[in-house]
């Protein structure tokens, strides 16, 4: 008899898996683009010292404009390829180390700016996590390839409509148009303005004062949240370090799942059965739950536990055991650094007022 329900379930699982694969590919694509651009600049650019002479405004974004001495001895002016909505650190006359590609002297990048590289690395890591989750959560079967083929055909059909429209009239490729618009926007169409002149405008001054005041009010909360994340990370690390150093490993099997419902989602916690070194059969619920489940009933796993300590057993995931602690450390360090930077800015702002 034809199993219609099984076919529907397999198709839905394949759609979810292919969607996760596409998400991983998107993260790898953007992350690789950012990291590749950083590597390209580090390999092909030369390092020079530049001086900030002003900014160019593009909407709410400001791009710094520098004057620098090229290796050929020529004095050049160039606009940074990176911009932001903040004017901090752009005071006229500020000396900044720059990266310049000899073939494009009108474009520069700050040598000490690594934010986009960090974002690229994070995206690559997120893509790897999504890919691992997709492979681990759903079985790769024939329906996976069928759904993937449907996705590819749909994408190719969309590209065909863009490249060869139905009316056969010539129309530029959208990606090329996007690149052309980006290059046009990168041209120095706006005039160079000194940061001091922008800051002197009443509307800019009022907006910056309001933004700084709001951020400074949030600084204590950021600091408390960061310290809390660090403390929780230390607590988790101590328990895991004790397990890794003094614990024992034993083979186990996923016997069932314990579910927890919240709103419209269901979280699955694996229930594991194993036999300890003393020959006692033990059943425990792992503390890490996922949706959908990462394991299947009857799947063999490794258990890490402390002898004579009840409730200490966990599923041994190898280096992934440290992932929650690592996330807490990174989050805590980021929040604490942000809070300290905001508090330091407030102290610098109060210093002139306290001087006699």
C-alpha atoms as a PDB file:
ATOM      1  CA  UNK A   1       0.000   0.000   0.000  1.00  0.00           C
ATOM      2  CA  UNK A   2       1.258   3.423  -0.878  1.00  0.00           C
ATOM      3  CA  UNK A   3       2.354   5.251   2.293  1.00  0.00           C
ATOM      4  CA  UNK A   4       1.126   8.785   1.611  1.00  0.00           C
ATOM      5  CA  UNK A   5       1.824   9.995   5.144  1.00  0.00           C
ATOM      6  CA  UNK A   6       5.396   8.679   5.020  1.00  0.00           C
ATOM      7  CA  UNK A   7       5.969  10.411   1.690  1.00  0.00           C
ATOM      8  CA  UNK A   8       4.660  13.693   3.112  1.00  0.00           C
ATOM      9  CA  UNK A   9       6.855  13.375   6.212  1.00  0.00           C
ATOM     10  CA  UNK A  10       9.954  12.577   4.144  1.00  0.00           C
ATOM     11  CA  UNK A  11       9.258  15.491   1.795  1.00  0.00           C
ATOM     12  CA  UNK A  12       8.796  17.912   4.691  1.00  0.00           C
ATOM     13  CA  UNK A  13      12.014  16.682   6.290  1.00  0.00           C
ATOM     14  CA  UNK A  14      13.868  17.071   2.987  1.00  0.00           C
ATOM     15  CA  UNK A  15      12.534  20.622   2.513  1.00  0.00           C
ATOM     16  CA  UNK A  16      13.726  21.571   6.009  1.00  0.00           C
ATOM     17  CA  UNK A  17      17.124  20.021   5.395  1.00  0.00           C
ATOM     18  CA  UNK A  18      17.631  21.689   2.012  1.00  0.00           C
ATOM     19  CA  UNK A  19      16.520  25.031   3.483  1.00  0.00           C
ATOM     20  CA  UNK A  20      19.107  24.585   6.245  1.00  0.00           C
ATOM     21  CA  UNK A  21      21.751  23.734   3.635  1.00  0.00           C
ATOM     22  CA  UNK A  22      20.878  26.905   1.714  1.00  0.00           C
ATOM     23  CA  UNK A  23      21.144  28.928   4.917  1.00  0.00           C
ATOM     24  CA  UNK A  24      24.571  27.422   5.542  1.00  0.00           C
ATOM     25  CA  UNK A  25      25.645  28.202   1.967  1.00  0.00           C
ATOM     26  CA  UNK A  26      24.413  31.790   2.342  1.00  0.00           C
ATOM     27  CA  UNK A  27      26.441  32.218   5.538  1.00  0.00           C
ATOM     28  CA  UNK A  28      29.481  30.676   3.869  1.00  0.00           C
ATOM     29  CA  UNK A  29      29.018  32.901   0.835  1.00  0.00           C
ATOM     30  CA  UNK A  30      28.802  36.184   2.739  1.00  0.00           C
ATOM     31  CA  UNK A  31      31.408  35.110   5.274  1.00  0.00           C
ATOM     32  CA  UNK A  32      33.786  33.958   2.562  1.00  0.00           C
ATOM     33  CA  UNK A  33      33.276  37.231   0.688  1.00  0.00           C
ATOM     34  CA  UNK A  34      34.178  39.283   3.774  1.00  0.00           C
ATOM     35  CA  UNK A  35      37.140  37.119   4.768  1.00  0.00           C
ATOM     36  CA  UNK A  36      38.317  36.869   1.160  1.00  0.00           C
ATOM     37  CA  UNK A  37      38.163  40.641   0.781  1.00  0.00           C
ATOM     38  CA  UNK A  38      40.200  41.062   3.964  1.00  0.00           C
ATOM     39  CA  UNK A  39      42.799  38.556   2.753  1.00  0.00           C
ATOM     40  CA  UNK A  40      42.924  40.271  -0.658  1.00  0.00           C
ATOM     41  CA  UNK A  41      43.566  43.651   0.946  1.00  0.00           C
ATOM     42  CA  UNK A  42      46.239  42.227   3.254  1.00  0.00           C
ATOM     43  CA  UNK A  43      48.049  40.559   0.356  1.00  0.00           C
ATOM     44  CA  UNK A  44      47.811  43.247  -2.346  1.00  0.00           C
ATOM     45  CA  UNK A  45      47.681  46.530  -0.426  1.00  0.00           C
ATOM     46  CA  UNK A  46      50.578  48.610   0.843  1.00  0.00           C
ATOM     47  CA  UNK A  47      50.614  50.223   4.252  1.00  0.00           C
ATOM     48  CA  UNK A  48      50.812  54.025   4.418  1.00  0.00           C
ATOM     49  CA  UNK A  49      50.132  56.694   7.004  1.00  0.00           C
ATOM     50  CA  UNK A  50      47.165  58.943   6.306  1.00  0.00           C
ATOM     51  CA  UNK A  51      45.617  62.058   7.793  1.00  0.00           C
ATOM     52  CA  UNK A  52      41.885  62.589   8.203  1.00  0.00           C
ATOM     53  CA  UNK A  53      40.789  65.695   6.293  1.00  0.00           C
ATOM     54  CA  UNK A  54      37.024  65.252   6.576  1.00  0.00           C
ATOM     55  CA  UNK A  55      34.104  62.966   5.810  1.00  0.00           C
ATOM     56  CA  UNK A  56      31.662  62.369   2.975  1.00  0.00           C
ATOM     57  CA  UNK A  57      28.064  61.827   3.889  1.00  0.00           C
ATOM     58  CA  UNK A  58      25.891  59.218   2.161  1.00  0.00           C
ATOM     59  CA  UNK A  59      22.526  59.288   3.849  1.00  0.00           C
ATOM     60  CA  UNK A  60      23.123  58.521   7.513  1.00  0.00           C
ATOM     61  CA  UNK A  61      26.542  57.004   6.821  1.00  0.00           C
ATOM     62  CA  UNK A  62      29.864  58.855   6.970  1.00  0.00           C
ATOM     63  CA  UNK A  63      32.964  57.777   5.037  1.00  0.00           C
ATOM     64  CA  UNK A  64      36.281  59.201   6.157  1.00  0.00           C
ATOM     65  CA  UNK A  65      38.408  61.071   3.627  1.00  0.00           C
ATOM     66  CA  UNK A  66      42.188  60.835   3.991  1.00  0.00           C
ATOM     67  CA  UNK A  67      45.238  62.544   2.579  1.00  0.00           C
ATOM     68  CA  UNK A  68      48.294  60.315   2.336  1.00  0.00           C
ATOM     69  CA  UNK A  69      51.701  60.143   0.713  1.00  0.00           C
ATOM     70  CA  UNK A  70      51.861  57.335  -1.848  1.00  0.00           C
ATOM     71  CA  UNK A  71      55.010  55.185  -2.165  1.00  0.00           C
ATOM     72  CA  UNK A  72      55.696  57.015  -5.442  1.00  0.00           C
ATOM     73  CA  UNK A  73      55.968  60.290  -3.514  1.00  0.00           C
ATOM     74  CA  UNK A  74      52.654  61.674  -4.784  1.00  0.00           C
ATOM     75  CA  UNK A  75      50.160  63.204  -2.342  1.00  0.00           C
ATOM     76  CA  UNK A  76      46.749  61.582  -2.800  1.00  0.00           C
ATOM     77  CA  UNK A  77      43.258  61.967  -1.382  1.00  0.00           C
ATOM     78  CA  UNK A  78      41.059  58.907  -0.959  1.00  0.00           C
ATOM     79  CA  UNK A  79      37.720  57.936   0.557  1.00  0.00           C
ATOM     80  CA  UNK A  80      37.417  54.972   2.879  1.00  0.00           C
ATOM     81  CA  UNK A  81      35.436  52.034   1.489  1.00  0.00           C
ATOM     82  CA  UNK A  82      33.924  51.508   4.958  1.00  0.00           C
ATOM     83  CA  UNK A  83      31.537  53.910   6.651  1.00  0.00           C
ATOM     84  CA  UNK A  84      29.392  54.195   9.751  1.00  0.00           C
ATOM     85  CA  UNK A  85      26.916  56.529  11.387  1.00  0.00           C
ATOM     86  CA  UNK A  86      29.364  57.632  14.077  1.00  0.00           C
ATOM     87  CA  UNK A  87      31.743  60.591  13.853  1.00  0.00           C
ATOM     88  CA  UNK A  88      33.959  59.368  16.668  1.00  0.00           C
ATOM     89  CA  UNK A  89      37.667  59.137  15.813  1.00  0.00           C
ATOM     90  CA  UNK A  90      37.285  61.223  12.645  1.00  0.00           C
ATOM     91  CA  UNK A  91      38.661  64.518  13.957  1.00  0.00           C
ATOM     92  CA  UNK A  92      40.524  66.521  11.344  1.00  0.00           C
ATOM     93  CA  UNK A  93      44.254  65.870  11.485  1.00  0.00           C
ATOM     94  CA  UNK A  94      44.025  62.429  13.086  1.00  0.00           C
ATOM     95  CA  UNK A  95      46.827  60.165  11.876  1.00  0.00           C
ATOM     96  CA  UNK A  96      45.579  56.736  10.780  1.00  0.00           C
ATOM     97  CA  UNK A  97      47.449  53.729   9.308  1.00  0.00           C
ATOM     98  CA  UNK A  98      45.915  52.894   5.933  1.00  0.00           C
ATOM     99  CA  UNK A  99      45.926  50.096   3.387  1.00  0.00           C
ATOM    100  CA  UNK A 100      46.065  51.212  -0.251  1.00  0.00           C
ATOM    101  CA  UNK A 101      45.974  49.075  -3.383  1.00  0.00           C
ATOM    102  CA  UNK A 102      48.366  50.695  -5.910  1.00  0.00           C
ATOM    103  CA  UNK A 103      45.918  50.209  -8.804  1.00  0.00           C
ATOM    104  CA  UNK A 104      43.123  52.002  -6.886  1.00  0.00           C
ATOM    105  CA  UNK A 105      44.727  54.940  -5.064  1.00  0.00           C
ATOM    106  CA  UNK A 106      41.318  56.611  -4.576  1.00  0.00           C
ATOM    107  CA  UNK A 107      40.136  53.793  -2.260  1.00  0.00           C
ATOM    108  CA  UNK A 108      41.626  53.069   1.150  1.00  0.00           C
ATOM    109  CA  UNK A 109      40.898  50.976   4.193  1.00  0.00           C
ATOM    110  CA  UNK A 110      42.002  51.470   7.775  1.00  0.00           C
ATOM    111  CA  UNK A 111      44.720  48.942   8.598  1.00  0.00           C
ATOM    112  CA  UNK A 112      43.527  48.521  12.192  1.00  0.00           C
ATOM    113  CA  UNK A 113      39.878  47.897  11.316  1.00  0.00           C
ATOM    114  CA  UNK A 114      39.041  44.182  11.556  1.00  0.00           C
ATOM    115  CA  UNK A 115      35.316  44.306  12.293  1.00  0.00           C
ATOM    116  CA  UNK A 116      34.244  42.953   8.888  1.00  0.00           C
ATOM    117  CA  UNK A 117      36.826  40.172   9.107  1.00  0.00           C
ATOM    118  CA  UNK A 118      35.434  39.146  12.495  1.00  0.00           C
ATOM    119  CA  UNK A 119      31.892  39.225  11.097  1.00  0.00           C
ATOM    120  CA  UNK A 120      33.031  37.056   8.188  1.00  0.00           C
ATOM    121  CA  UNK A 121      34.628  34.486  10.501  1.00  0.00           C
ATOM    122  CA  UNK A 122      31.470  34.421  12.638  1.00  0.00           C
ATOM    123  CA  UNK A 123      29.334  33.843   9.527  1.00  0.00           C
ATOM    124  CA  UNK A 124      31.589  30.975   8.450  1.00  0.00           C
ATOM    125  CA  UNK A 125      31.255  29.424  11.907  1.00  0.00           C
ATOM    126  CA  UNK A 126      27.477  29.895  11.877  1.00  0.00           C
ATOM    127  CA  UNK A 127      27.311  28.270   8.448  1.00  0.00           C
ATOM    128  CA  UNK A 128      29.315  25.294   9.723  1.00  0.00           C
ATOM    129  CA  UNK A 129      26.974  24.984  12.703  1.00  0.00           C
ATOM    130  CA  UNK A 130      23.868  25.086  10.491  1.00  0.00           C
ATOM    131  CA  UNK A 131      25.364  22.488   8.137  1.00  0.00           C
ATOM    132  CA  UNK A 132      26.248  20.176  11.033  1.00  0.00           C
ATOM    133  CA  UNK A 133      22.760  20.639  12.482  1.00  0.00           C
ATOM    134  CA  UNK A 134      21.130  19.814   9.136  1.00  0.00           C
ATOM    135  CA  UNK A 135      23.221  16.680   8.601  1.00  0.00           C
ATOM    136  CA  UNK A 136      22.734  15.574  12.199  1.00  0.00           C
ATOM    137  CA  UNK A 137      19.020  16.329  12.474  1.00  0.00           C
ATOM    138  CA  UNK A 138      17.688  14.889   9.205  1.00  0.00           C
ATOM    139  CA  UNK A 139      18.640  11.776   7.299  1.00  0.00           C
ATOM    140  CA  UNK A 140      20.041  12.460   3.834  1.00  0.00           C
ATOM    141  CA  UNK A 141      17.891  10.317   1.575  1.00  0.00           C
ATOM    142  CA  UNK A 142      16.449  10.271  -1.945  1.00  0.00           C
ATOM    143  CA  UNK A 143      13.865  12.938  -1.101  1.00  0.00           C
ATOM    144  CA  UNK A 144      16.692  15.296  -0.124  1.00  0.00           C
ATOM    145  CA  UNK A 145      18.110  15.126  -3.649  1.00  0.00           C
ATOM    146  CA  UNK A 146      14.645  15.444  -5.208  1.00  0.00           C
ATOM    147  CA  UNK A 147      13.845  18.593  -3.219  1.00  0.00           C
ATOM    148  CA  UNK A 148      17.332  19.988  -3.902  1.00  0.00           C
ATOM    149  CA  UNK A 149      16.770  19.440  -7.626  1.00  0.00           C
ATOM    150  CA  UNK A 150      13.439  21.291  -7.410  1.00  0.00           C
ATOM    151  CA  UNK A 151      15.178  24.218  -5.665  1.00  0.00           C
ATOM    152  CA  UNK A 152      17.918  24.330  -8.314  1.00  0.00           C
ATOM    153  CA  UNK A 153      15.405  24.231 -11.180  1.00  0.00           C
ATOM    154  CA  UNK A 154      13.419  27.034  -9.549  1.00  0.00           C
ATOM    155  CA  UNK A 155      16.553  29.185  -9.155  1.00  0.00           C
ATOM    156  CA  UNK A 156      17.647  28.536 -12.744  1.00  0.00           C
ATOM    157  CA  UNK A 157      14.184  29.455 -13.996  1.00  0.00           C
ATOM    158  CA  UNK A 158      14.326  32.711 -12.050  1.00  0.00           C
ATOM    159  CA  UNK A 159      17.743  33.501 -13.520  1.00  0.00           C
ATOM    160  CA  UNK A 160      16.458  32.722 -17.019  1.00  0.00           C
ATOM    161  CA  UNK A 161      13.614  35.225 -16.604  1.00  0.00           C
ATOM    162  CA  UNK A 162      16.117  37.862 -15.522  1.00  0.00           C
ATOM    163  CA  UNK A 163      18.641  37.248 -18.306  1.00  0.00           C
ATOM    164  CA  UNK A 164      16.119  36.489 -21.086  1.00  0.00           C
ATOM    165  CA  UNK A 165      12.856  38.350 -20.349  1.00  0.00           C
ATOM    166  CA  UNK A 166       9.612  37.243 -21.953  1.00  0.00           C
ATOM    167  CA  UNK A 167       9.356  40.283 -24.227  1.00  0.00           C
ATOM    168  CA  UNK A 168      12.892  39.586 -25.580  1.00  0.00           C
ATOM    169  CA  UNK A 169      13.770  43.240 -25.071  1.00  0.00           C
ATOM    170  CA  UNK A 170      17.329  43.830 -23.926  1.00  0.00           C
ATOM    171  CA  UNK A 171      17.549  44.380 -20.212  1.00  0.00           C
ATOM    172  CA  UNK A 172      20.700  44.488 -18.095  1.00  0.00           C
ATOM    173  CA  UNK A 173      21.395  41.705 -15.647  1.00  0.00           C
ATOM    174  CA  UNK A 174      20.248  42.722 -12.191  1.00  0.00           C
ATOM    175  CA  UNK A 175      23.469  41.691 -10.503  1.00  0.00           C
ATOM    176  CA  UNK A 176      25.470  43.833 -12.903  1.00  0.00           C
ATOM    177  CA  UNK A 177      23.083  46.705 -12.299  1.00  0.00           C
ATOM    178  CA  UNK A 178      23.567  46.291  -8.583  1.00  0.00           C
ATOM    179  CA  UNK A 179      27.330  46.381  -8.971  1.00  0.00           C
ATOM    180  CA  UNK A 180      27.078  49.440 -11.217  1.00  0.00           C
ATOM    181  CA  UNK A 181      24.891  51.259  -8.702  1.00  0.00           C
ATOM    182  CA  UNK A 182      27.304  50.352  -5.935  1.00  0.00           C
ATOM    183  CA  UNK A 183      30.258  51.711  -7.886  1.00  0.00           C
ATOM    184  CA  UNK A 184      28.327  54.874  -8.697  1.00  0.00           C
ATOM    185  CA  UNK A 185      27.456  55.342  -5.054  1.00  0.00           C
ATOM    186  CA  UNK A 186      31.104  54.878  -4.137  1.00  0.00           C
ATOM    187  CA  UNK A 187      32.098  57.828  -6.272  1.00  0.00           C
ATOM    188  CA  UNK A 188      32.835  60.973  -4.293  1.00  0.00           C
ATOM    189  CA  UNK A 189      29.659  62.793  -5.279  1.00  0.00           C
ATOM    190  CA  UNK A 190      29.286  64.643  -1.985  1.00  0.00           C
ATOM    191  CA  UNK A 191      31.633  67.335  -0.782  1.00  0.00           C
ATOM    192  CA  UNK A 192      34.232  66.775   1.910  1.00  0.00           C
ATOM    193  CA  UNK A 193      33.105  68.230   5.243  1.00  0.00           C
ATOM    194  CA  UNK A 194      35.166  68.615   8.404  1.00  0.00           C
ATOM    195  CA  UNK A 195      33.853  66.668  11.381  1.00  0.00           C
ATOM    196  CA  UNK A 196      34.111  69.754  13.550  1.00  0.00           C
ATOM    197  CA  UNK A 197      31.782  71.632  11.197  1.00  0.00           C
ATOM    198  CA  UNK A 198      29.247  68.797  11.271  1.00  0.00           C
ATOM    199  CA  UNK A 199      29.404  68.529  15.040  1.00  0.00           C
ATOM    200  CA  UNK A 200      28.810  72.277  15.359  1.00  0.00           C
ATOM    201  CA  UNK A 201      25.403  72.022  13.669  1.00  0.00           C
ATOM    202  CA  UNK A 202      22.639  72.261  16.312  1.00  0.00           C
ATOM    203  CA  UNK A 203      20.684  69.259  14.999  1.00  0.00           C
ATOM    204  CA  UNK A 204      23.757  67.024  14.908  1.00  0.00           C
ATOM    205  CA  UNK A 205      24.886  68.157  18.337  1.00  0.00           C
ATOM    206  CA  UNK A 206      21.477  67.504  19.873  1.00  0.00           C
ATOM    207  CA  UNK A 207      21.224  64.073  18.249  1.00  0.00           C
ATOM    208  CA  UNK A 208      24.688  63.028  19.411  1.00  0.00           C
ATOM    209  CA  UNK A 209      24.041  64.237  22.962  1.00  0.00           C
ATOM    210  CA  UNK A 210      20.771  62.281  23.099  1.00  0.00           C
ATOM    211  CA  UNK A 211      22.385  59.126  21.696  1.00  0.00           C
ATOM    212  CA  UNK A 212      25.306  59.289  24.114  1.00  0.00           C
ATOM    213  CA  UNK A 213      23.029  59.900  27.088  1.00  0.00           C
ATOM    214  CA  UNK A 214      20.868  56.918  26.174  1.00  0.00           C
ATOM    215  CA  UNK A 215      23.866  54.625  25.732  1.00  0.00           C
ATOM    216  CA  UNK A 216      25.431  55.761  29.005  1.00  0.00           C
ATOM    217  CA  UNK A 217      22.224  54.969  30.860  1.00  0.00           C
ATOM    218  CA  UNK A 218      22.381  51.450  29.449  1.00  0.00           C
ATOM    219  CA  UNK A 219      26.065  50.954  30.356  1.00  0.00           C
ATOM    220  CA  UNK A 220      25.442  49.580  33.914  1.00  0.00           C
ATOM    221  CA  UNK A 221      22.923  47.067  32.570  1.00  0.00           C
ATOM    222  CA  UNK A 222      25.378  45.951  29.873  1.00  0.00           C
ATOM    223  CA  UNK A 223      28.063  45.542  32.544  1.00  0.00           C
ATOM    224  CA  UNK A 224      25.814  43.499  34.839  1.00  0.00           C
ATOM    225  CA  UNK A 225      24.690  41.305  31.944  1.00  0.00           C
ATOM    226  CA  UNK A 226      28.291  40.793  30.824  1.00  0.00           C
ATOM    227  CA  UNK A 227      29.503  39.895  34.310  1.00  0.00           C
ATOM    228  CA  UNK A 228      26.537  37.554  34.723  1.00  0.00           C
ATOM    229  CA  UNK A 229      27.390  35.755  31.467  1.00  0.00           C
ATOM    230  CA  UNK A 230      31.037  35.463  32.519  1.00  0.00           C
ATOM    231  CA  UNK A 231      30.068  34.108  35.950  1.00  0.00           C
ATOM    232  CA  UNK A 232      27.701  31.569  34.403  1.00  0.00           C
ATOM    233  CA  UNK A 233      30.405  30.558  31.923  1.00  0.00           C
ATOM    234  CA  UNK A 234      32.892  30.000  34.766  1.00  0.00           C
ATOM    235  CA  UNK A 235      30.303  27.935  36.665  1.00  0.00           C
ATOM    236  CA  UNK A 236      29.610  25.742  33.639  1.00  0.00           C
ATOM    237  CA  UNK A 237      33.310  25.393  32.837  1.00  0.00           C
ATOM    238  CA  UNK A 238      34.156  24.247  36.368  1.00  0.00           C
ATOM    239  CA  UNK A 239      31.515  21.522  36.252  1.00  0.00           C
ATOM    240  CA  UNK A 240      32.560  20.399  32.778  1.00  0.00           C
ATOM    241  CA  UNK A 241      36.258  20.476  33.699  1.00  0.00           C
ATOM    242  CA  UNK A 242      35.507  18.233  36.671  1.00  0.00           C
ATOM    243  CA  UNK A 243      33.636  15.843  34.395  1.00  0.00           C
ATOM    244  CA  UNK A 244      36.448  15.781  31.837  1.00  0.00           C
ATOM    245  CA  UNK A 245      39.210  15.256  34.425  1.00  0.00           C
ATOM    246  CA  UNK A 246      37.542  12.925  36.958  1.00  0.00           C
ATOM    247  CA  UNK A 247      34.625  11.442  35.030  1.00  0.00           C
ATOM    248  CA  UNK A 248      34.218   8.135  33.261  1.00  0.00           C
ATOM    249  CA  UNK A 249      32.830   7.269  29.857  1.00  0.00           C
ATOM    250  CA  UNK A 250      30.439   4.480  29.052  1.00  0.00           C
ATOM    251  CA  UNK A 251      28.433   3.423  25.983  1.00  0.00           C
ATOM    252  CA  UNK A 252      24.761   4.319  26.051  1.00  0.00           C
ATOM    253  CA  UNK A 253      21.692   4.369  23.857  1.00  0.00           C
ATOM    254  CA  UNK A 254      18.894   6.890  23.309  1.00  0.00           C
ATOM    255  CA  UNK A 255      15.841   5.053  24.642  1.00  0.00           C
ATOM    256  CA  UNK A 256      13.186   7.777  24.257  1.00  0.00           C
ATOM    257  CA  UNK A 257      12.548  11.531  24.322  1.00  0.00           C
ATOM    258  CA  UNK A 258      11.137  13.908  26.877  1.00  0.00           C
ATOM    259  CA  UNK A 259       9.273  16.835  25.319  1.00  0.00           C
ATOM    260  CA  UNK A 260       8.682  20.375  26.474  1.00  0.00           C
ATOM    261  CA  UNK A 261       6.103  22.585  24.771  1.00  0.00           C
ATOM    262  CA  UNK A 262       6.192  26.384  24.562  1.00  0.00           C
ATOM    263  CA  UNK A 263       3.862  28.365  22.311  1.00  0.00           C
ATOM    264  CA  UNK A 264       3.916  26.551  18.949  1.00  0.00           C
ATOM    265  CA  UNK A 265       7.266  24.749  19.326  1.00  0.00           C
ATOM    266  CA  UNK A 266       8.253  21.435  20.887  1.00  0.00           C
ATOM    267  CA  UNK A 267      11.716  20.821  22.376  1.00  0.00           C
ATOM    268  CA  UNK A 268      13.022  17.255  22.492  1.00  0.00           C
ATOM    269  CA  UNK A 269      15.349  16.090  25.305  1.00  0.00           C
ATOM    270  CA  UNK A 270      16.992  12.681  24.754  1.00  0.00           C
ATOM    271  CA  UNK A 271      16.459  10.087  27.487  1.00  0.00           C
ATOM    272  CA  UNK A 272      19.566   7.889  27.669  1.00  0.00           C
ATOM    273  CA  UNK A 273      20.119   4.451  29.151  1.00  0.00           C
ATOM    274  CA  UNK A 274      23.621   3.229  30.048  1.00  0.00           C
ATOM    275  CA  UNK A 275      25.423   0.827  32.382  1.00  0.00           C
ATOM    276  CA  UNK A 276      28.046   2.347  34.682  1.00  0.00           C
ATOM    277  CA  UNK A 277      31.326   0.804  35.803  1.00  0.00           C
ATOM    278  CA  UNK A 278      29.659  -0.906  38.759  1.00  0.00           C
ATOM    279  CA  UNK A 279      27.197  -2.683  36.487  1.00  0.00           C
ATOM    280  CA  UNK A 280      24.196  -0.545  37.448  1.00  0.00           C
ATOM    281  CA  UNK A 281      21.734   0.314  34.705  1.00  0.00           C
ATOM    282  CA  UNK A 282      21.001   4.065  34.781  1.00  0.00           C
ATOM    283  CA  UNK A 283      18.503   6.223  32.918  1.00  0.00           C
ATOM    284  CA  UNK A 284      18.846  10.023  32.679  1.00  0.00           C
ATOM    285  CA  UNK A 285      17.496  12.932  30.669  1.00  0.00           C
ATOM    286  CA  UNK A 286      20.131  15.028  28.919  1.00  0.00           C
ATOM    287  CA  UNK A 287      20.002  18.743  29.727  1.00  0.00           C
ATOM    288  CA  UNK A 288      20.350  19.865  26.088  1.00  0.00           C
ATOM    289  CA  UNK A 289      17.119  19.919  24.108  1.00  0.00           C
ATOM    290  CA  UNK A 290      16.614  20.713  20.427  1.00  0.00           C
ATOM    291  CA  UNK A 291      13.842  20.993  17.890  1.00  0.00           C
ATOM    292  CA  UNK A 292      13.870  18.821  15.847  1.00  0.00           C
ATOM    293  CA  UNK A 293      15.692  16.109  17.857  1.00  0.00           C
ATOM    294  CA  UNK A 294      19.380  15.594  17.105  1.00  0.00           C
ATOM    295  CA  UNK A 295      19.260  11.886  17.868  1.00  0.00           C
ATOM    296  CA  UNK A 296      17.093   8.938  16.950  1.00  0.00           C
ATOM    297  CA  UNK A 297      15.626   6.336  19.278  1.00  0.00           C
ATOM    298  CA  UNK A 298      18.040   3.418  19.480  1.00  0.00           C
ATOM    299  CA  UNK A 299      21.057   5.499  18.438  1.00  0.00           C
ATOM    300  CA  UNK A 300      24.295   4.635  20.239  1.00  0.00           C
ATOM    301  CA  UNK A 301      26.054   7.485  22.043  1.00  0.00           C
ATOM    302  CA  UNK A 302      28.814   7.975  24.630  1.00  0.00           C
ATOM    303  CA  UNK A 303      27.945   8.990  28.193  1.00  0.00           C
ATOM    304  CA  UNK A 304      30.227  11.060  30.421  1.00  0.00           C
ATOM    305  CA  UNK A 305      29.503  10.809  34.153  1.00  0.00           C
ATOM    306  CA  UNK A 306      31.008  11.111  37.637  1.00  0.00           C
ATOM    307  CA  UNK A 307      30.916   7.888  39.667  1.00  0.00           C
ATOM    308  CA  UNK A 308      28.964   8.132  42.917  1.00  0.00           C
ATOM    309  CA  UNK A 309      27.510  11.521  41.879  1.00  0.00           C
ATOM    310  CA  UNK A 310      23.887  11.207  40.840  1.00  0.00           C
ATOM    311  CA  UNK A 311      22.597  13.508  38.132  1.00  0.00           C
ATOM    312  CA  UNK A 312      26.060  14.249  36.694  1.00  0.00           C
ATOM    313  CA  UNK A 313      25.721  12.218  33.486  1.00  0.00           C
ATOM    314  CA  UNK A 314      25.632  13.983  30.118  1.00  0.00           C
ATOM    315  CA  UNK A 315      25.925  12.947  26.494  1.00  0.00           C
ATOM    316  CA  UNK A 316      29.587  13.272  25.543  1.00  0.00           C
ATOM    317  CA  UNK A 317      29.723  15.473  22.439  1.00  0.00           C
ATOM    318  CA  UNK A 318      33.497  15.895  22.420  1.00  0.00           C
ATOM    319  CA  UNK A 319      34.682  19.491  21.818  1.00  0.00           C
ATOM    320  CA  UNK A 320      31.041  20.572  21.406  1.00  0.00           C
ATOM    321  CA  UNK A 321      30.658  20.139  25.181  1.00  0.00           C
ATOM    322  CA  UNK A 322      32.437  23.473  25.568  1.00  0.00           C
ATOM    323  CA  UNK A 323      30.268  25.352  23.073  1.00  0.00           C
ATOM    324  CA  UNK A 324      27.751  26.789  25.630  1.00  0.00           C
ATOM    325  CA  UNK A 325      30.583  27.987  27.881  1.00  0.00           C
ATOM    326  CA  UNK A 326      32.406  29.523  24.926  1.00  0.00           C
ATOM    327  CA  UNK A 327      29.283  31.396  23.832  1.00  0.00           C
ATOM    328  CA  UNK A 328      28.803  32.718  27.368  1.00  0.00           C
ATOM    329  CA  UNK A 329      32.434  33.876  27.528  1.00  0.00           C
ATOM    330  CA  UNK A 330      32.223  35.661  24.176  1.00  0.00           C
ATOM    331  CA  UNK A 331      28.891  37.267  25.017  1.00  0.00           C
ATOM    332  CA  UNK A 332      30.078  38.301  28.473  1.00  0.00           C
ATOM    333  CA  UNK A 333      33.342  39.744  27.154  1.00  0.00           C
ATOM    334  CA  UNK A 334      31.534  41.668  24.415  1.00  0.00           C
ATOM    335  CA  UNK A 335      28.921  43.155  26.760  1.00  0.00           C
ATOM    336  CA  UNK A 336      31.541  44.037  29.383  1.00  0.00           C
ATOM    337  CA  UNK A 337      33.807  45.690  26.803  1.00  0.00           C
ATOM    338  CA  UNK A 338      30.867  47.692  25.449  1.00  0.00           C
ATOM    339  CA  UNK A 339      29.868  48.806  28.949  1.00  0.00           C
ATOM    340  CA  UNK A 340      33.421  49.834  29.860  1.00  0.00           C
ATOM    341  CA  UNK A 341      33.758  51.791  26.621  1.00  0.00           C
ATOM    342  CA  UNK A 342      30.511  53.656  27.359  1.00  0.00           C
ATOM    343  CA  UNK A 343      31.544  54.351  30.954  1.00  0.00           C
ATOM    344  CA  UNK A 344      34.965  55.552  29.811  1.00  0.00           C
ATOM    345  CA  UNK A 345      33.260  57.885  27.354  1.00  0.00           C
ATOM    346  CA  UNK A 346      31.129  59.285  30.150  1.00  0.00           C
ATOM    347  CA  UNK A 347      34.206  59.864  32.325  1.00  0.00           C
ATOM    348  CA  UNK A 348      35.935  61.679  29.467  1.00  0.00           C
ATOM    349  CA  UNK A 349      32.864  63.855  28.983  1.00  0.00           C
ATOM    350  CA  UNK A 350      32.690  64.735  32.682  1.00  0.00           C
ATOM    351  CA  UNK A 351      36.406  65.522  33.019  1.00  0.00           C
ATOM    352  CA  UNK A 352      36.263  68.995  31.415  1.00  0.00           C
ATOM    353  CA  UNK A 353      33.342  69.956  33.620  1.00  0.00           C
ATOM    354  CA  UNK A 354      35.244  68.989  36.782  1.00  0.00           C
ATOM    355  CA  UNK A 355      38.330  71.009  35.910  1.00  0.00           C
ATOM    356  CA  UNK A 356      38.498  74.303  37.878  1.00  0.00           C
END
